[in-house]
All heavy atoms as atom14 arrays in JSON, in Angstrom:
{
  "sequence": "QVPEKRKSKVPWDRLIGVALLGALGSALIYYVFIQLDDEKKE",
  "atom14_mask": [
    [1, 1, 1, 1, 1, 1, 1, 1, 1, 0, 0, 0, 0, 0],
    [1, 1, 1, 1, 1, 1, 1, 0, 0, 0, 0, 0, 0, 0],
    [1, 1, 1, 1, 1, 1, 1, 0, 0, 0, 0, 0, 0, 0],
    [1, 1, 1, 1, 1, 1, 1, 1, 1, 0, 0, 0, 0, 0],
    [1, 1, 1, 1, 1, 1, 1, 1, 1, 0, 0, 0, 0, 0],
    [1, 1, 1, 1, 1, 1, 1, 1, 1, 1, 1, 0, 0, 0],
    [1, 1, 1, 1, 1, 1, 1, 1, 1, 0, 0, 0, 0, 0],
    [1, 1, 1, 1, 1, 1, 0, 0, 0, 0, 0, 0, 0, 0],
    [1, 1, 1, 1, 1, 1, 1, 1, 1, 0, 0, 0, 0, 0],
    [1, 1, 1, 1, 1, 1, 1, 0, 0, 0, 0, 0, 0, 0],
    [1, 1, 1, 1, 1, 1, 1, 0, 0, 0, 0, 0, 0, 0],
    [1, 1, 1, 1, 1, 1, 1, 1, 1, 1, 1, 1, 1, 1],
    [1, 1, 1, 1, 1, 1, 1, 1, 0, 0, 0, 0, 0, 0],
    [1, 1, 1, 1, 1, 1, 1, 1, 1, 1, 1, 0, 0, 0],
    [1, 1, 1, 1, 1, 1, 1, 1, 0, 0, 0, 0, 0, 0],
    [1, 1, 1, 1, 1, 1, 1, 1, 0, 0, 0, 0, 0, 0],
    [1, 1, 1, 1, 0, 0, 0, 0, 0, 0, 0, 0, 0, 0],
    [1, 1, 1, 1, 1, 1, 1, 0, 0, 0, 0, 0, 0, 0],
    [1, 1, 1, 1, 1, 0, 0, 0, 0, 0, 0, 0, 0, 0],
    [1, 1, 1, 1, 1, 1, 1, 1, 0, 0, 0, 0, 0, 0],
    [1, 1, 1, 1, 1, 1, 1, 1, 0, 0, 0, 0, 0, 0],
    [1, 1, 1, 1, 0, 0, 0, 0, 0, 0, 0, 0, 0, 0],
    [1, 1, 1, 1, 1, 0, 0, 0, 0, 0, 0, 0, 0, 0],
    [1, 1, 1, 1, 1, 1, 1, 1, 0, 0, 0, 0, 0, 0],
    [1, 1, 1, 1, 0, 0, 0, 0, 0, 0, 0, 0, 0, 0],
    [1, 1, 1, 1, 1, 1, 0, 0, 0, 0, 0, 0, 0, 0],
    [1, 1, 1, 1, 1, 0, 0, 0, 0, 0, 0, 0, 0, 0],
    [1, 1, 1, 1, 1, 1, 1, 1, 0, 0, 0, 0, 0, 0],
    [1, 1, 1, 1, 1, 1, 1, 1, 0, 0, 0, 0, 0, 0],
    [1, 1, 1, 1, 1, 1, 1, 1, 1, 1, 1, 1, 0, 0],
    [1, 1, 1, 1, 1, 1, 1, 1, 1, 1, 1, 1, 0, 0],
    [1, 1, 1, 1, 1, 1, 1, 0, 0, 0, 0, 0, 0, 0],
    [1, 1, 1, 1, 1, 1, 1, 1, 1, 1, 1, 0, 0, 0],
    [1, 1, 1, 1, 1, 1, 1, 1, 0, 0, 0, 0, 0, 0],
    [1, 1, 1, 1, 1, 1, 1, 1, 1, 0, 0, 0, 0, 0],
    [1, 1, 1, 1, 1, 1, 1, 1, 0, 0, 0, 0, 0, 0],
    [1, 1, 1, 1, 1, 1, 1, 1, 0, 0, 0, 0, 0, 0],
    [1, 1, 1, 1, 1, 1, 1, 1, 0, 0, 0, 0, 0, 0],
    [1, 1, 1, 1, 1, 1, 1, 1, 1, 0, 0, 0, 0, 0],
    [1, 1, 1, 1, 1, 1, 1, 1, 1, 0, 0, 0, 0, 0],
    [1, 1, 1, 1, 1, 1, 1, 1, 1, 0, 0, 0, 0, 0],
    [1, 1, 1, 1, 1, 1, 1, 1, 1, 0, 0, 0, 0, 0]
  ],
  "atom14_positions": [
    [[143.42, 97.94, 148.71], [143.29, 99.24, 148.05], [143.43, 99.05, 146.54], [144.32, 98.36, 146.07], [144.35, 100.21, 148.56], [144.15, 100.55, 150.02], [145.12, 101.61, 150.47], [145.88, 102.15, 149.68], [145.09, 101.94, 151.75], [0.0, 0.0, 0.0], [0.0, 0.0, 0.0], [0.0, 0.0, 0.0], [0.0, 0.0, 0.0], [0.0, 0.0, 0.0]],
    [[142.54, 99.69, 145.82], [142.58, 99.65, 144.36], [143.27, 100.92, 143.88], [142.91, 102.02, 144.32], [141.15, 99.59, 143.78], [141.18, 99.58, 142.28], [140.43, 98.37, 144.34], [0.0, 0.0, 0.0], [0.0, 0.0, 0.0], [0.0, 0.0, 0.0], [0.0, 0.0, 0.0], [0.0, 0.0, 0.0], [0.0, 0.0, 0.0], [0.0, 0.0, 0.0]],
    [[144.29, 100.8, 143.02], [144.98, 102.01, 142.54], [144.03, 102.91, 141.75], [143.15, 102.43, 141.04], [146.1, 101.48, 141.65], [145.74, 100.08, 141.33], [144.82, 99.6, 142.41], [0.0, 0.0, 0.0], [0.0, 0.0, 0.0], [0.0, 0.0, 0.0], [0.0, 0.0, 0.0], [0.0, 0.0, 0.0], [0.0, 0.0, 0.0], [0.0, 0.0, 0.0]],
    [[144.22, 104.21, 141.92], [143.38, 105.17, 141.21], [143.75, 105.19, 139.73], [144.88, 104.9, 139.36], [143.57, 106.57, 141.79], [143.05, 106.69, 143.2], [143.19, 108.11, 143.72], [143.21, 109.05, 142.9], [143.28, 108.27, 144.93], [0.0, 0.0, 0.0], [0.0, 0.0, 0.0], [0.0, 0.0, 0.0], [0.0, 0.0, 0.0], [0.0, 0.0, 0.0]],
    [[142.79, 105.56, 138.93], [143.04, 105.65, 137.49], [144.02, 106.79, 137.22], [143.88, 107.89, 137.74], [141.71, 105.92, 136.77], [141.77, 105.74, 135.3], [140.39, 105.88, 134.7], [140.42, 105.57, 133.23], [139.09, 105.7, 132.64], [0.0, 0.0, 0.0], [0.0, 0.0, 0.0], [0.0, 0.0, 0.0], [0.0, 0.0, 0.0], [0.0, 0.0, 0.0]],
    [[145.04, 106.51, 136.4], [146.05, 107.53, 136.1], [145.48, 108.6, 135.19], [144.75, 108.3, 134.26], [147.26, 106.9, 135.42], [148.05, 106.03, 136.32], [149.27, 105.55, 135.6], [150.06, 104.69, 136.46], [151.21, 104.18, 136.12], [151.72, 104.43, 134.94], [151.86, 103.4, 136.94], [0.0, 0.0, 0.0], [0.0, 0.0, 0.0], [0.0, 0.0, 0.0]],
    [[145.87, 109.81, 135.47], [145.46, 110.93, 134.63], [146.58, 111.21, 133.64], [147.75, 111.01, 133.93], [145.18, 112.17, 135.47], [143.97, 112.03, 136.34], [143.67, 113.32, 137.06], [142.43, 113.17, 137.92], [142.12, 114.4, 138.62], [0.0, 0.0, 0.0], [0.0, 0.0, 0.0], [0.0, 0.0, 0.0], [0.0, 0.0, 0.0], [0.0, 0.0, 0.0]],
    [[146.2, 111.68, 132.47], [147.18, 112.01, 131.44], [148.01, 113.21, 131.89], [147.47, 114.17, 132.46], [146.47, 112.33, 130.13], [147.39, 112.76, 129.17], [0.0, 0.0, 0.0], [0.0, 0.0, 0.0], [0.0, 0.0, 0.0], [0.0, 0.0, 0.0], [0.0, 0.0, 0.0], [0.0, 0.0, 0.0], [0.0, 0.0, 0.0], [0.0, 0.0, 0.0]],
    [[149.31, 113.16, 131.63], [150.18, 114.27, 132.01], [150.17, 115.38, 130.97], [150.62, 116.48, 131.23], [151.6, 113.77, 132.2], [151.75, 112.86, 133.4], [153.17, 112.44, 133.6], [153.28, 111.54, 134.82], [154.66, 111.14, 135.07], [0.0, 0.0, 0.0], [0.0, 0.0, 0.0], [0.0, 0.0, 0.0], [0.0, 0.0, 0.0], [0.0, 0.0, 0.0]],
    [[149.67, 115.08, 129.76], [149.63, 116.08, 128.7], [148.21, 116.63, 128.59], [147.27, 115.88, 128.35], [150.03, 115.44, 127.35], [149.94, 116.45, 126.23], [151.42, 114.85, 127.43], [0.0, 0.0, 0.0], [0.0, 0.0, 0.0], [0.0, 0.0, 0.0], [0.0, 0.0, 0.0], [0.0, 0.0, 0.0], [0.0, 0.0, 0.0], [0.0, 0.0, 0.0]],
    [[148.04, 117.93, 128.76], [146.7, 118.51, 128.63], [146.22, 118.44, 127.17], [146.99, 118.68, 126.24], [146.87, 119.96, 129.06], [148.29, 120.15, 129.43], [149.04, 118.9, 129.15], [0.0, 0.0, 0.0], [0.0, 0.0, 0.0], [0.0, 0.0, 0.0], [0.0, 0.0, 0.0], [0.0, 0.0, 0.0], [0.0, 0.0, 0.0], [0.0, 0.0, 0.0]],
    [[144.98, 118.07, 126.99], [144.43, 117.9, 125.63], [144.44, 119.2, 124.85], [144.66, 119.2, 123.65], [143.01, 117.33, 125.7], [143.02, 115.88, 126.02], [142.75, 115.29, 127.23], [143.38, 114.81, 125.15], [142.91, 113.94, 127.16], [143.28, 113.61, 125.88], [143.75, 114.74, 123.81], [143.55, 112.37, 125.33], [144.02, 113.5, 123.26], [143.92, 112.34, 124.0]],
    [[144.17, 120.33, 125.5], [144.14, 121.6, 124.77], [145.52, 121.93, 124.2], [145.64, 122.42, 123.08], [143.62, 122.73, 125.63], [144.4, 122.92, 126.94], [145.18, 122.01, 127.3], [144.23, 123.97, 127.57], [0.0, 0.0, 0.0], [0.0, 0.0, 0.0], [0.0, 0.0, 0.0], [0.0, 0.0, 0.0], [0.0, 0.0, 0.0], [0.0, 0.0, 0.0]],
    [[146.58, 121.61, 124.91], [147.93, 121.85, 124.4], [148.23, 120.91, 123.24], [148.8, 121.31, 122.23], [148.96, 121.65, 125.5], [150.38, 121.9, 124.99], [151.41, 121.82, 126.06], [151.23, 122.97, 126.96], [151.9, 123.17, 128.06], [152.81, 122.3, 128.43], [151.69, 124.22, 128.8], [0.0, 0.0, 0.0], [0.0, 0.0, 0.0], [0.0, 0.0, 0.0]],
    [[147.82, 119.65, 123.36], [148.05, 118.68, 122.3], [147.33, 119.09, 121.02], [147.92, 119.07, 119.93], [147.57, 117.3, 122.76], [147.78, 116.15, 121.79], [149.27, 115.88, 121.62], [147.08, 114.91, 122.3], [0.0, 0.0, 0.0], [0.0, 0.0, 0.0], [0.0, 0.0, 0.0], [0.0, 0.0, 0.0], [0.0, 0.0, 0.0], [0.0, 0.0, 0.0]],
    [[146.09, 119.51, 121.14], [145.33, 119.95, 119.97], [145.93, 121.23, 119.4], [146.02, 121.4, 118.18], [143.84, 120.13, 120.33], [143.23, 118.75, 120.63], [143.08, 120.83, 119.22], [141.84, 118.79, 121.19], [0.0, 0.0, 0.0], [0.0, 0.0, 0.0], [0.0, 0.0, 0.0], [0.0, 0.0, 0.0], [0.0, 0.0, 0.0], [0.0, 0.0, 0.0]],
    [[146.36, 122.14, 120.25], [146.98, 123.38, 119.8], [148.25, 123.14, 119.01], [148.48, 123.73, 117.95], [0.0, 0.0, 0.0], [0.0, 0.0, 0.0], [0.0, 0.0, 0.0], [0.0, 0.0, 0.0], [0.0, 0.0, 0.0], [0.0, 0.0, 0.0], [0.0, 0.0, 0.0], [0.0, 0.0, 0.0], [0.0, 0.0, 0.0], [0.0, 0.0, 0.0]],
    [[149.09, 122.24, 119.49], [150.34, 121.92, 118.78], [150.03, 121.25, 117.44], [150.66, 121.54, 116.43], [151.26, 121.03, 119.66], [152.42, 120.47, 118.87], [151.76, 121.83, 120.85], [0.0, 0.0, 0.0], [0.0, 0.0, 0.0], [0.0, 0.0, 0.0], [0.0, 0.0, 0.0], [0.0, 0.0, 0.0], [0.0, 0.0, 0.0], [0.0, 0.0, 0.0]],
    [[149.04, 120.36, 117.43], [148.67, 119.69, 116.18], [148.14, 120.7, 115.15], [148.49, 120.64, 113.97], [147.62, 118.62, 116.46], [0.0, 0.0, 0.0], [0.0, 0.0, 0.0], [0.0, 0.0, 0.0], [0.0, 0.0, 0.0], [0.0, 0.0, 0.0], [0.0, 0.0, 0.0], [0.0, 0.0, 0.0], [0.0, 0.0, 0.0], [0.0, 0.0, 0.0]],
    [[147.31, 121.64, 115.6], [146.78, 122.66, 114.69], [147.89, 123.57, 114.18], [147.92, 123.94, 113.0], [145.69, 123.48, 115.37], [144.36, 122.78, 115.56], [143.41, 123.66, 116.38], [143.73, 122.44, 114.22], [0.0, 0.0, 0.0], [0.0, 0.0, 0.0], [0.0, 0.0, 0.0], [0.0, 0.0, 0.0], [0.0, 0.0, 0.0], [0.0, 0.0, 0.0]],
    [[148.8, 123.94, 115.06], [149.92, 124.77, 114.67], [150.78, 124.07, 113.62], [151.18, 124.68, 112.63], [150.75, 125.14, 115.89], [151.88, 126.13, 115.67], [151.34, 127.48, 115.21], [152.67, 126.3, 116.95], [0.0, 0.0, 0.0], [0.0, 0.0, 0.0], [0.0, 0.0, 0.0], [0.0, 0.0, 0.0], [0.0, 0.0, 0.0], [0.0, 0.0, 0.0]],
    [[151.04, 122.8, 113.82], [151.81, 122.03, 112.84], [151.1, 121.92, 111.51], [151.71, 122.04, 110.44], [0.0, 0.0, 0.0], [0.0, 0.0, 0.0], [0.0, 0.0, 0.0], [0.0, 0.0, 0.0], [0.0, 0.0, 0.0], [0.0, 0.0, 0.0], [0.0, 0.0, 0.0], [0.0, 0.0, 0.0], [0.0, 0.0, 0.0], [0.0, 0.0, 0.0]],
    [[149.78, 121.7, 111.54], [149.01, 121.59, 110.3], [148.99, 122.92, 109.55], [149.16, 122.95, 108.32], [147.59, 121.13, 110.61], [0.0, 0.0, 0.0], [0.0, 0.0, 0.0], [0.0, 0.0, 0.0], [0.0, 0.0, 0.0], [0.0, 0.0, 0.0], [0.0, 0.0, 0.0], [0.0, 0.0, 0.0], [0.0, 0.0, 0.0], [0.0, 0.0, 0.0]],
    [[148.8, 124.01, 110.25], [148.78, 125.32, 109.61], [150.15, 125.69, 109.05], [150.26, 126.24, 107.95], [148.31, 126.39, 110.59], [146.83, 126.34, 110.96], [146.52, 127.34, 112.06], [145.95, 126.57, 109.76], [0.0, 0.0, 0.0], [0.0, 0.0, 0.0], [0.0, 0.0, 0.0], [0.0, 0.0, 0.0], [0.0, 0.0, 0.0], [0.0, 0.0, 0.0]],
    [[151.2, 125.37, 109.8], [152.56, 125.63, 109.32], [152.87, 124.83, 108.06], [153.46, 125.35, 107.11], [0.0, 0.0, 0.0], [0.0, 0.0, 0.0], [0.0, 0.0, 0.0], [0.0, 0.0, 0.0], [0.0, 0.0, 0.0], [0.0, 0.0, 0.0], [0.0, 0.0, 0.0], [0.0, 0.0, 0.0], [0.0, 0.0, 0.0], [0.0, 0.0, 0.0]],
    [[152.46, 123.58, 108.04], [152.68, 122.74, 106.86], [151.91, 123.27, 105.66], [152.42, 123.28, 104.53], [152.26, 121.3, 107.14], [153.05, 120.76, 108.16], [0.0, 0.0, 0.0], [0.0, 0.0, 0.0], [0.0, 0.0, 0.0], [0.0, 0.0, 0.0], [0.0, 0.0, 0.0], [0.0, 0.0, 0.0], [0.0, 0.0, 0.0], [0.0, 0.0, 0.0]],
    [[150.67, 123.69, 105.88], [149.86, 124.24, 104.79], [150.49, 125.52, 104.24], [150.52, 125.74, 103.02], [148.44, 124.51, 105.27], [0.0, 0.0, 0.0], [0.0, 0.0, 0.0], [0.0, 0.0, 0.0], [0.0, 0.0, 0.0], [0.0, 0.0, 0.0], [0.0, 0.0, 0.0], [0.0, 0.0, 0.0], [0.0, 0.0, 0.0], [0.0, 0.0, 0.0]],
    [[151.02, 126.37, 105.1], [151.67, 127.6, 104.67], [152.92, 127.3, 103.85], [153.13, 127.9, 102.78], [152.03, 128.46, 105.88], [152.77, 129.77, 105.58], [151.88, 130.71, 104.78], [153.23, 130.42, 106.86], [0.0, 0.0, 0.0], [0.0, 0.0, 0.0], [0.0, 0.0, 0.0], [0.0, 0.0, 0.0], [0.0, 0.0, 0.0], [0.0, 0.0, 0.0]],
    [[153.73, 126.37, 104.32], [154.95, 126.01, 103.58], [154.58, 125.42, 102.22], [155.21, 125.74, 101.2], [155.8, 125.03, 104.4], [156.4, 125.76, 105.59], [156.9, 124.4, 103.56], [157.06, 124.86, 106.6], [0.0, 0.0, 0.0], [0.0, 0.0, 0.0], [0.0, 0.0, 0.0], [0.0, 0.0, 0.0], [0.0, 0.0, 0.0], [0.0, 0.0, 0.0]],
    [[153.56, 124.58, 102.17], [153.11, 124.0, 100.9], [152.64, 125.1, 99.94], [152.98, 125.09, 98.76], [151.99, 122.99, 101.15], [151.44, 122.39, 99.89], [152.15, 121.43, 99.19], [150.2, 122.8, 99.39], [151.65, 120.88, 98.02], [149.69, 122.25, 98.23], [150.42, 121.29, 97.55], [149.92, 120.77, 96.39], [0.0, 0.0, 0.0], [0.0, 0.0, 0.0]],
    [[151.88, 126.06, 100.46], [151.37, 127.14, 99.62], [152.53, 127.96, 99.04], [152.54, 128.29, 97.86], [150.44, 128.05, 100.43], [149.96, 129.24, 99.67], [148.98, 129.11, 98.7], [150.49, 130.51, 99.9], [148.53, 130.21, 97.97], [150.06, 131.61, 99.19], [149.08, 131.46, 98.22], [148.66, 132.54, 97.51], [0.0, 0.0, 0.0], [0.0, 0.0, 0.0]],
    [[153.51, 128.28, 99.87], [154.67, 129.05, 99.4], [155.45, 128.25, 98.36], [155.88, 128.79, 97.34], [155.57, 129.46, 100.59], [156.89, 130.04, 100.11], [154.84, 130.46, 101.48], [0.0, 0.0, 0.0], [0.0, 0.0, 0.0], [0.0, 0.0, 0.0], [0.0, 0.0, 0.0], [0.0, 0.0, 0.0], [0.0, 0.0, 0.0], [0.0, 0.0, 0.0]],
    [[155.62, 126.95, 98.6], [156.36, 126.1, 97.67], [155.67, 126.04, 96.3], [156.32, 126.1, 95.27], [156.51, 124.69, 98.25], [157.27, 123.76, 97.37], [158.65, 123.86, 97.27], [156.63, 122.78, 96.63], [159.37, 123.0, 96.46], [157.33, 121.91, 95.83], [158.71, 122.02, 95.74], [0.0, 0.0, 0.0], [0.0, 0.0, 0.0], [0.0, 0.0, 0.0]],
    [[154.35, 125.96, 96.3], [153.6, 125.89, 95.05], [153.75, 127.18, 94.25], [153.73, 127.16, 93.01], [152.1, 125.61, 95.34], [151.94, 124.22, 95.94], [151.24, 125.74, 94.11], [152.42, 123.11, 95.04], [0.0, 0.0, 0.0], [0.0, 0.0, 0.0], [0.0, 0.0, 0.0], [0.0, 0.0, 0.0], [0.0, 0.0, 0.0], [0.0, 0.0, 0.0]],
    [[153.96, 128.31, 94.91], [154.07, 129.59, 94.22], [155.43, 129.79, 93.54], [155.57, 130.68, 92.7], [153.84, 130.75, 95.21], [152.49, 130.73, 95.91], [151.34, 130.75, 94.94], [151.35, 131.5, 93.98], [150.34, 129.93, 95.19], [0.0, 0.0, 0.0], [0.0, 0.0, 0.0], [0.0, 0.0, 0.0], [0.0, 0.0, 0.0], [0.0, 0.0, 0.0]],
    [[156.42, 128.95, 93.89], [157.75, 129.1, 93.29], [157.74, 128.66, 91.83], [156.95, 127.82, 91.44], [158.77, 128.26, 94.07], [158.98, 128.62, 95.53], [159.93, 127.61, 96.16], [159.53, 130.02, 95.68], [0.0, 0.0, 0.0], [0.0, 0.0, 0.0], [0.0, 0.0, 0.0], [0.0, 0.0, 0.0], [0.0, 0.0, 0.0], [0.0, 0.0, 0.0]],
    [[158.7, 129.23, 91.07], [158.84, 128.76, 89.69], [159.59, 127.42, 89.69], [160.14, 127.0, 90.7], [159.53, 129.8, 88.81], [160.92, 130.17, 89.28], [161.35, 129.63, 90.31], [161.58, 130.98, 88.61], [0.0, 0.0, 0.0], [0.0, 0.0, 0.0], [0.0, 0.0, 0.0], [0.0, 0.0, 0.0], [0.0, 0.0, 0.0], [0.0, 0.0, 0.0]],
    [[159.61, 126.74, 88.55], [160.16, 125.39, 88.47], [161.63, 125.31, 88.86], [162.05, 124.35, 89.52], [159.96, 124.82, 87.06], [158.49, 124.55, 86.75], [157.72, 124.38, 87.72], [158.15, 124.51, 85.56], [0.0, 0.0, 0.0], [0.0, 0.0, 0.0], [0.0, 0.0, 0.0], [0.0, 0.0, 0.0], [0.0, 0.0, 0.0], [0.0, 0.0, 0.0]],
    [[162.42, 126.31, 88.48], [163.84, 126.28, 88.79], [164.08, 126.36, 90.31], [164.89, 125.63, 90.87], [164.54, 127.45, 88.09], [166.05, 127.45, 88.26], [166.69, 128.62, 87.53], [166.3, 128.91, 86.38], [167.59, 129.23, 88.14], [0.0, 0.0, 0.0], [0.0, 0.0, 0.0], [0.0, 0.0, 0.0], [0.0, 0.0, 0.0], [0.0, 0.0, 0.0]],
    [[163.34, 127.26, 90.97], [163.5, 127.4, 92.42], [162.96, 126.17, 93.16], [163.51, 125.77, 94.18], [162.8, 128.67, 92.91], [163.56, 129.93, 92.53], [162.97, 131.14, 93.19], [163.78, 132.36, 92.79], [163.3, 133.58, 93.43], [0.0, 0.0, 0.0], [0.0, 0.0, 0.0], [0.0, 0.0, 0.0], [0.0, 0.0, 0.0], [0.0, 0.0, 0.0]],
    [[161.87, 125.57, 92.63], [161.35, 124.35, 93.24], [162.41, 123.26, 93.23], [162.59, 122.55, 94.21], [160.11, 123.85, 92.49], [158.84, 124.55, 92.82], [157.7, 123.89, 92.08], [156.42, 124.67, 92.23], [155.32, 124.06, 91.49], [0.0, 0.0, 0.0], [0.0, 0.0, 0.0], [0.0, 0.0, 0.0], [0.0, 0.0, 0.0], [0.0, 0.0, 0.0]],
    [[163.09, 123.13, 92.11], [164.12, 122.1, 91.99], [165.27, 122.35, 92.98], [165.76, 121.41, 93.6], [164.65, 122.06, 90.55], [165.4, 120.8, 90.22], [164.56, 119.54, 90.35], [163.36, 119.56, 90.0], [165.11, 118.54, 90.84], [0.0, 0.0, 0.0], [0.0, 0.0, 0.0], [0.0, 0.0, 0.0], [0.0, 0.0, 0.0], [0.0, 0.0, 0.0]]
  ]
}
C-alpha cells in the first residue's frame, strides 16, 4: 500500500485572509503614525 498524499490542515482562504488582514492593519498603523507630529512620534 502506498500512503496517500497528505492534505494541508490550514485552509488557503483563511491563510490569505489573515495575511491580508495583517497587511491592512500594518498599513493603517503606519498611516496613523505618519500623521503624528514629531514630539508624539518620538
